Amino acid sequence: MGKGRVFVRGLDSETYGLNHFRQEQLAAERVRDDSVVVDTGDSAAHSGDSAKSRTWWRIGPGDDPFLTQTVQIHFVELPPDSANRGHGHQNEAAFYILEGRGYEIHDDQKYDWKQGDLVFVHTDSVHRHYNPYDERAVCLVMKAKSTWMFMGLIQQGRSGPIDRPEEFGEREDWTRIWTPGVLDRKKVITSEDGQWETTPMGHIRVMNSKEQTDHRQFSVDVQEQKIPAGGRSGKYWKMADEVVYVLEGSGYSLHWEVEAEIAERYYARFAKEPTRHEITEGDTLYVPQNTIVQHFAADGTPLHLLSVQNRIFKYLGYDNVHYFENAPEYEAEAAAVAG
């Protein structure tokens, strides 16, 4: 563990080309299980833990080897009849409830949650997690925190008086600079919300996206996928990197590296052979930027996945996914419709 938490990772080079950073990233192990704890927050008191709650990180910008800082992943455990310590920060967060139930207090308002729900911490939120029940609660926290840091939105801390109060006036309403209408948007997406759809990717339930304009979350896109035993997803190519958490089952993921050939314009060159990454329940799988991917469920066990990516890619000109091969259930449904 380091002495402090890395919020943004630097990038410097004595050459114009940066492909050596890309190769180092691609060489890193992409699957991490419960044995991987890259930080706990204890050494620098940089978590929101109380005496009872526990936080541990699995993916972040300070990792060595480094994977990504577009999405950070950590876990929060609340034992029975406990709460963490309240705090506030400018960056959003989304957390998926893996076990148990409880509630949030955000800006002095209560939001209940249970297993399978997706809960949003909005920008500039003072928040605290509570578990008043007899069983423990565990959540998977997904956030694009470094995006805020890159943009200078670094304000965060625990509740308390400001420094130099004599230099500032009375309290004012912070919400005046928020996007109009956000106070009416949903903060909890329940396990019953949304619809499962058959797509080229496979059997998908989108939990958060930029098309869901009634959700109070702007920075990460989240979806669930179920792959039948012995089945596979679509084979897809996109620019955004993503983190996939295995909720249930086991299988493997094939990744084809994409090389950029810079000639009179950009050309993509696809690796002839993929790398293979075994995954099982509780693992996180990292999919690098600009990669072709296909997931496979093992024989005898369906595969249930939760995927998250940083939405900013979609505003940088990469709002598309190309499918080289559709999922079998999508092909079957299309054939039935055509027939």
Protein backbone atom coordinates (compact mmCIF):
# COMPACT_ATOMS: atom_id res chain seq x y z
CA MET A 1 0.00 0.00 0.00
CA GLY A 2 1.21 3.50 -0.73
CA LYS A 3 1.19 6.38 1.73
CA GLY A 4 -1.40 8.34 -0.19
CA ARG A 5 -4.15 7.78 -2.67
CA VAL A 6 -3.49 8.48 -6.37
CA PHE A 7 -6.42 10.45 -7.80
CA VAL A 8 -5.01 11.10 -11.29
CA ARG A 9 -2.13 9.26 -12.95
CA GLY A 10 0.34 11.30 -14.97
CA LEU A 11 1.57 10.56 -18.50
CA ASP A 12 4.92 11.82 -19.75
CA SER A 13 7.33 10.77 -22.46
CA GLU A 14 10.50 11.95 -24.17
CA THR A 15 9.10 10.79 -27.53
CA TYR A 16 6.00 11.81 -29.47
CA GLY A 17 4.77 8.23 -29.87
CA LEU A 18 3.12 6.72 -26.79
CA ASN A 19 2.66 3.13 -27.89
CA HIS A 20 4.94 1.83 -25.12
CA PHE A 21 2.30 2.89 -22.58
CA ARG A 22 -0.32 0.98 -24.54
CA GLN A 23 1.83 -2.15 -24.63
CA GLU A 24 2.47 -2.00 -20.88
CA GLN A 25 -1.27 -1.71 -20.28
CA LEU A 26 -2.06 -4.64 -22.60
CA ALA A 27 0.55 -6.80 -20.85
CA ALA A 28 -1.08 -6.38 -17.42
CA GLU A 29 -3.30 -9.15 -16.00
CA ARG A 30 -6.90 -8.23 -16.84
CA VAL A 31 -8.75 -10.52 -14.43
CA ARG A 32 -8.73 -9.68 -10.72
CA ASP A 33 -10.42 -11.69 -7.97
CA ASP A 34 -11.02 -11.21 -4.25
CA SER A 35 -7.32 -11.73 -3.52
CA VAL A 36 -6.52 -8.40 -5.23
CA VAL A 37 -6.83 -5.43 -2.87
CA VAL A 38 -4.95 -2.44 -4.23
CA ASP A 39 -5.96 -0.04 -1.45
CA THR A 40 -8.07 0.04 1.72
CA GLY A 41 -8.01 3.74 2.60
CA ASP A 42 -6.60 3.05 6.06
CA SER A 43 -3.14 4.52 5.58
CA ALA A 44 -4.23 7.98 4.48
CA ALA A 45 -7.76 8.16 5.91
CA HIS A 46 -9.04 8.79 2.40
CA SER A 47 -12.17 6.66 2.56
CA GLY A 48 -15.60 7.28 4.05
CA ASP A 49 -15.35 4.36 6.49
CA SER A 50 -16.64 4.41 10.04
CA ALA A 51 -15.41 2.15 12.83
CA LYS A 52 -17.64 -0.64 11.48
CA SER A 53 -17.77 -0.22 7.70
CA ARG A 54 -15.05 -1.44 5.36
CA THR A 55 -13.87 -0.24 1.92
CA TRP A 56 -11.38 -1.88 -0.43
CA TRP A 57 -10.30 -0.95 -3.96
CA ARG A 58 -9.74 -3.31 -6.87
CA ILE A 59 -9.10 -0.96 -9.83
CA GLY A 60 -7.84 2.62 -9.67
CA PRO A 61 -5.33 5.07 -11.14
CA GLY A 62 -2.66 4.25 -8.56
CA ASP A 63 -2.48 0.54 -9.41
CA ASP A 64 0.75 -1.19 -10.36
CA PRO A 65 0.41 -2.71 -12.86
CA PHE A 66 -1.82 0.03 -14.20
CA LEU A 67 -5.05 -0.81 -16.02
CA THR A 68 -7.18 2.31 -16.26
CA GLN A 69 -8.41 5.49 -14.63
CA THR A 70 -11.48 5.98 -16.80
CA VAL A 71 -13.43 3.77 -14.37
CA GLN A 72 -12.55 3.01 -10.76
CA ILE A 73 -13.88 -0.01 -8.87
CA HIS A 74 -14.14 -0.55 -5.14
CA PHE A 75 -16.34 -2.35 -2.64
CA VAL A 76 -18.11 -1.18 0.52
CA GLU A 77 -19.25 -3.58 3.25
CA LEU A 78 -21.75 -2.54 5.92
CA PRO A 79 -22.13 -5.09 8.73
CA PRO A 80 -25.55 -5.47 10.40
CA ASP A 81 -26.78 -2.33 12.15
CA SER A 82 -24.03 -0.04 10.85
CA ALA A 83 -23.30 3.00 8.69
CA ASN A 84 -20.25 4.51 7.08
CA ARG A 85 -19.06 8.06 7.71
CA GLY A 86 -20.84 10.83 5.82
CA HIS A 87 -18.87 12.88 3.32
CA GLY A 88 -19.27 14.89 0.12
CA HIS A 89 -17.52 15.16 -3.23
CA GLN A 90 -18.09 16.71 -6.63
CA ASN A 91 -17.74 13.49 -8.63
CA GLU A 92 -20.66 11.13 -9.21
CA ALA A 93 -20.67 7.48 -8.19
CA ALA A 94 -22.89 4.51 -9.02
CA PHE A 95 -23.09 1.48 -6.80
CA TYR A 96 -24.68 -1.91 -7.46
CA ILE A 97 -26.01 -3.77 -4.41
CA LEU A 98 -24.42 -7.22 -4.35
CA GLU A 99 -25.85 -8.31 -0.99
CA GLY A 100 -28.35 -7.11 1.59
CA ARG A 101 -30.44 -3.96 1.84
CA GLY A 102 -30.29 -0.55 3.45
CA TYR A 103 -30.74 3.11 2.64
CA GLU A 104 -28.92 6.32 1.75
CA ILE A 105 -29.12 9.81 3.11
CA HIS A 106 -28.23 12.18 0.25
CA ASP A 107 -28.54 15.92 0.86
CA ASP A 108 -30.78 15.15 3.85
CA GLN A 109 -33.13 12.89 1.81
CA LYS A 110 -33.62 9.14 2.26
CA TYR A 111 -33.35 6.55 -0.56
CA ASP A 112 -33.96 2.84 0.13
CA TRP A 113 -32.09 0.09 -1.71
CA LYS A 114 -31.83 -3.72 -1.88
CA GLN A 115 -29.87 -6.44 -3.65
CA GLY A 116 -29.82 -5.95 -7.42
CA ASP A 117 -30.48 -2.20 -7.31
CA LEU A 118 -28.25 0.45 -8.89
CA VAL A 119 -27.94 3.61 -6.76
CA PHE A 120 -26.57 6.99 -7.83
CA VAL A 121 -24.57 9.50 -5.82
CA HIS A 122 -25.07 12.73 -7.72
CA THR A 123 -22.61 15.59 -8.21
CA ASP A 124 -21.93 17.77 -5.15
CA SER A 125 -23.76 15.33 -2.86
CA VAL A 126 -23.36 14.95 0.89
CA HIS A 127 -24.11 11.28 1.42
CA ARG A 128 -23.94 8.37 3.85
CA HIS A 129 -24.78 4.64 3.57
CA TYR A 130 -26.87 2.86 6.25
CA ASN A 131 -27.61 -0.80 7.01
CA PRO A 132 -30.14 -1.07 9.88
CA TYR A 133 -30.86 -4.77 9.22
CA ASP A 134 -29.58 -8.09 10.60
CA GLU A 135 -27.64 -9.20 7.50
CA ARG A 136 -24.58 -7.54 6.03
CA ALA A 137 -24.77 -5.36 2.92
CA VAL A 138 -22.10 -5.24 0.19
CA CYS A 139 -22.02 -2.94 -2.81
CA LEU A 140 -19.81 -2.60 -5.89
CA VAL A 141 -18.93 1.07 -6.46
CA MET A 142 -18.24 2.25 -10.03
CA LYS A 143 -17.16 5.80 -10.80
CA ALA A 144 -15.33 7.98 -13.30
CA LYS A 145 -13.69 9.99 -10.53
CA SER A 146 -10.51 10.88 -12.43
CA THR A 147 -12.61 12.58 -15.12
CA TRP A 148 -13.63 15.17 -12.53
CA MET A 149 -10.04 15.49 -11.35
CA PHE A 150 -8.77 16.15 -14.89
CA MET A 151 -11.33 18.96 -15.13
CA GLY A 152 -10.30 20.57 -11.85
CA LEU A 153 -13.45 19.52 -9.98
CA ILE A 154 -11.53 18.33 -6.94
CA GLN A 155 -13.63 19.60 -4.03
CA GLN A 156 -14.37 16.85 -1.49
CA GLY A 157 -14.33 16.29 2.25
CA ARG A 158 -16.30 15.53 5.37
CA SER A 159 -18.91 17.87 6.79
CA GLY A 160 -17.44 20.78 8.70
CA PRO A 161 -16.81 24.53 8.65
CA ILE A 162 -14.97 26.17 5.77
CA ASP A 163 -11.50 27.63 6.04
CA ARG A 164 -11.25 31.45 6.30
CA PRO A 165 -14.96 32.01 7.01
CA GLU A 166 -14.33 35.72 7.58
CA GLU A 167 -13.47 36.10 3.88
CA PHE A 168 -16.82 34.74 2.61
CA GLY A 169 -20.47 35.71 2.77
CA GLU A 170 -23.52 33.75 3.91
CA ARG A 171 -24.57 30.35 2.49
CA GLU A 172 -26.09 30.35 -1.00
CA ASP A 173 -28.04 27.75 -2.98
CA TRP A 174 -25.51 25.51 -4.78
CA THR A 175 -28.16 23.92 -7.05
CA ARG A 176 -28.43 27.05 -9.20
CA ILE A 177 -25.52 25.84 -11.38
CA TRP A 178 -26.82 22.27 -11.87
CA THR A 179 -28.40 21.02 -15.09
CA PRO A 180 -32.07 22.08 -15.06
CA GLY A 181 -34.45 19.35 -13.93
CA VAL A 182 -31.94 17.05 -12.23
CA LEU A 183 -33.76 17.20 -8.91
CA ASP A 184 -36.64 15.30 -10.51
CA ARG A 185 -34.48 12.48 -11.91
CA LYS A 186 -34.32 8.94 -10.48
CA LYS A 187 -31.62 8.12 -7.96
CA VAL A 188 -32.34 4.40 -7.48
CA ILE A 189 -32.77 1.99 -10.40
CA THR A 190 -34.37 -1.11 -8.93
CA SER A 191 -33.90 -4.71 -9.99
CA GLU A 192 -37.45 -4.53 -11.38
CA ASP A 193 -36.82 -1.46 -13.56
CA GLY A 194 -36.06 -1.69 -17.25
CA GLN A 195 -36.57 -4.50 -19.71
CA TRP A 196 -34.39 -7.37 -20.86
CA GLU A 197 -33.83 -7.13 -24.61
CA THR A 198 -32.27 -9.38 -27.23
CA THR A 199 -29.58 -7.37 -29.01
CA PRO A 200 -26.58 -8.16 -31.24
CA MET A 201 -24.61 -8.30 -27.97
CA GLY A 202 -27.06 -10.86 -26.52
CA HIS A 203 -29.59 -10.79 -23.67
CA ILE A 204 -29.11 -7.29 -22.19
CA ARG A 205 -30.75 -5.05 -19.59
CA VAL A 206 -29.49 -1.47 -19.77
CA MET A 207 -29.44 0.00 -16.26
CA ASN A 208 -28.00 3.41 -17.12
CA SER A 209 -27.21 5.17 -20.40
CA LYS A 210 -27.31 8.62 -21.94
CA GLU A 211 -30.63 7.72 -23.56
CA GLN A 212 -32.23 7.29 -20.13
CA THR A 213 -32.69 10.99 -19.49
CA ASP A 214 -34.75 10.46 -16.33
CA HIS A 215 -31.70 9.02 -14.49
CA ARG A 216 -29.55 11.28 -12.32
CA GLN A 217 -26.21 9.94 -13.53
CA PHE A 218 -24.14 11.44 -16.35
CA SER A 219 -20.72 9.78 -16.23
CA VAL A 220 -21.01 5.98 -16.43
CA ASP A 221 -23.08 3.57 -18.51
CA VAL A 222 -24.07 0.30 -16.82
CA GLN A 223 -25.72 -2.82 -18.20
CA GLU A 224 -26.37 -6.43 -17.23
CA GLN A 225 -25.94 -9.38 -19.57
CA LYS A 226 -26.98 -13.03 -19.29
CA ILE A 227 -25.28 -15.62 -21.51
CA PRO A 228 -26.81 -19.12 -21.50
CA ALA A 229 -24.66 -22.09 -20.53
CA GLY A 230 -22.32 -22.94 -23.38
CA GLY A 231 -23.36 -19.75 -25.19
CA ARG A 232 -21.54 -16.61 -26.26
CA SER A 233 -22.03 -12.89 -26.66
CA GLY A 234 -21.75 -10.96 -29.87
CA LYS A 235 -18.23 -10.24 -31.09
CA TYR A 236 -17.90 -6.47 -30.84
CA TRP A 237 -15.42 -3.61 -31.32
CA LYS A 238 -15.59 -0.23 -29.59
CA MET A 239 -13.19 2.46 -28.45
CA ALA A 240 -14.26 2.73 -24.79
CA ASP A 241 -12.61 0.49 -22.26
CA GLU A 242 -14.86 -1.24 -19.73
CA VAL A 243 -14.87 -3.24 -16.53
CA VAL A 244 -17.01 -6.39 -16.38
CA TYR A 245 -17.96 -7.86 -12.99
CA VAL A 246 -19.04 -11.52 -12.90
CA LEU A 247 -22.24 -11.73 -10.84
CA GLU A 248 -22.76 -15.45 -11.44
CA GLY A 249 -21.26 -18.32 -13.40
CA SER A 250 -17.95 -18.79 -15.15
CA GLY A 251 -16.46 -18.78 -18.61
CA TYR A 252 -13.86 -16.86 -20.58
CA SER A 253 -13.39 -13.74 -22.69
CA LEU A 254 -11.47 -13.45 -25.96
CA HIS A 255 -9.74 -10.14 -26.77
CA TRP A 256 -8.28 -9.17 -30.14
CA GLU A 257 -5.76 -6.32 -30.03
CA VAL A 258 -6.36 -3.47 -32.48
CA GLU A 259 -3.30 -1.66 -33.86
CA ALA A 260 -3.58 1.78 -35.46
CA GLU A 261 -1.76 2.19 -38.78
CA ILE A 262 -1.28 5.88 -39.47
CA ALA A 263 -0.96 6.34 -43.25
CA GLU A 264 -2.86 8.93 -45.33
CA ARG A 265 -5.55 8.30 -42.71
CA TYR A 266 -6.12 5.98 -39.77
CA TYR A 267 -6.48 2.27 -40.50
CA ALA A 268 -7.26 -0.48 -37.99
CA ARG A 269 -5.20 -3.67 -38.02
CA PHE A 270 -6.73 -6.58 -36.07
CA ALA A 271 -4.67 -9.21 -34.29
CA LYS A 272 -4.91 -12.60 -35.98
CA GLU A 273 -5.10 -14.42 -32.66
CA PRO A 274 -6.92 -13.33 -29.47
CA THR A 275 -5.81 -13.50 -25.88
CA ARG A 276 -7.98 -15.63 -23.58
CA HIS A 277 -9.07 -14.58 -20.08
CA GLU A 278 -10.77 -17.04 -17.71
CA ILE A 279 -13.47 -15.53 -15.48
CA THR A 280 -15.62 -16.77 -12.60
CA GLU A 281 -18.06 -15.38 -10.04
CA GLY A 282 -16.66 -12.40 -8.13
CA ASP A 283 -14.00 -11.55 -10.73
CA THR A 284 -13.55 -8.24 -12.49
CA LEU A 285 -12.47 -8.39 -16.12
CA TYR A 286 -10.80 -5.35 -17.66
CA VAL A 287 -11.34 -4.76 -21.38
CA PRO A 288 -8.79 -2.20 -22.72
CA GLN A 289 -9.63 0.69 -25.02
CA ASN A 290 -9.89 -0.10 -28.74
CA THR A 291 -10.31 -3.87 -28.38
CA ILE A 292 -12.45 -6.51 -30.10
CA VAL A 293 -14.20 -8.68 -27.50
CA GLN A 294 -16.37 -11.78 -27.19
CA HIS A 295 -17.54 -13.46 -23.95
CA PHE A 296 -18.27 -17.18 -23.56
CA ALA A 297 -20.18 -19.03 -20.82
CA ALA A 298 -18.83 -22.36 -19.67
CA ASP A 299 -20.81 -25.52 -20.38
CA GLY A 300 -23.34 -26.21 -17.63
CA THR A 301 -23.37 -22.73 -16.09
CA PRO A 302 -25.02 -19.52 -17.34
CA LEU A 303 -22.92 -16.37 -17.15
CA HIS A 304 -24.39 -13.22 -15.55
CA LEU A 305 -22.29 -10.07 -16.10
CA LEU A 306 -22.41 -6.44 -15.00
CA SER A 307 -20.57 -4.02 -17.32
CA VAL A 308 -19.57 -0.39 -16.76
CA GLN A 309 -17.82 2.17 -18.95
CA ASN A 310 -17.08 5.89 -18.86
CA ARG A 311 -19.70 7.75 -20.89
CA ILE A 312 -17.32 10.51 -21.96
CA PHE A 313 -16.17 8.35 -24.92
CA LYS A 314 -19.61 8.83 -26.45
CA TYR A 315 -19.11 12.60 -26.42
CA LEU A 316 -15.65 12.34 -27.99
CA GLY A 317 -16.83 10.88 -31.30
CA TYR A 318 -16.93 7.18 -30.34
CA ASP A 319 -20.66 6.59 -29.91
CA ASN A 320 -20.81 3.35 -31.87
CA VAL A 321 -20.22 -0.39 -31.43
CA HIS A 322 -19.36 -2.53 -34.47
CA TYR A 323 -20.46 -6.18 -34.44
CA PHE A 324 -18.47 -8.72 -36.41
CA GLU A 325 -20.75 -11.50 -35.16
CA ASN A 326 -24.16 -11.34 -33.50
CA ALA A 327 -25.14 -13.37 -30.44
CA PRO A 328 -26.89 -16.65 -31.38
CA GLU A 329 -30.17 -15.68 -29.68
CA TYR A 330 -30.30 -12.45 -31.70
CA GLU A 331 -29.80 -14.37 -34.94
CA ALA A 332 -32.49 -16.85 -33.93
CA GLU A 333 -34.97 -14.10 -33.10
CA ALA A 334 -34.25 -12.27 -36.36
CA ALA A 335 -34.73 -15.51 -38.31
CA ALA A 336 -38.04 -16.16 -36.55
CA VAL A 337 -39.28 -12.68 -37.38
CA ALA A 338 -38.19 -13.05 -41.01
CA GLY A 339 -39.85 -16.45 -41.20
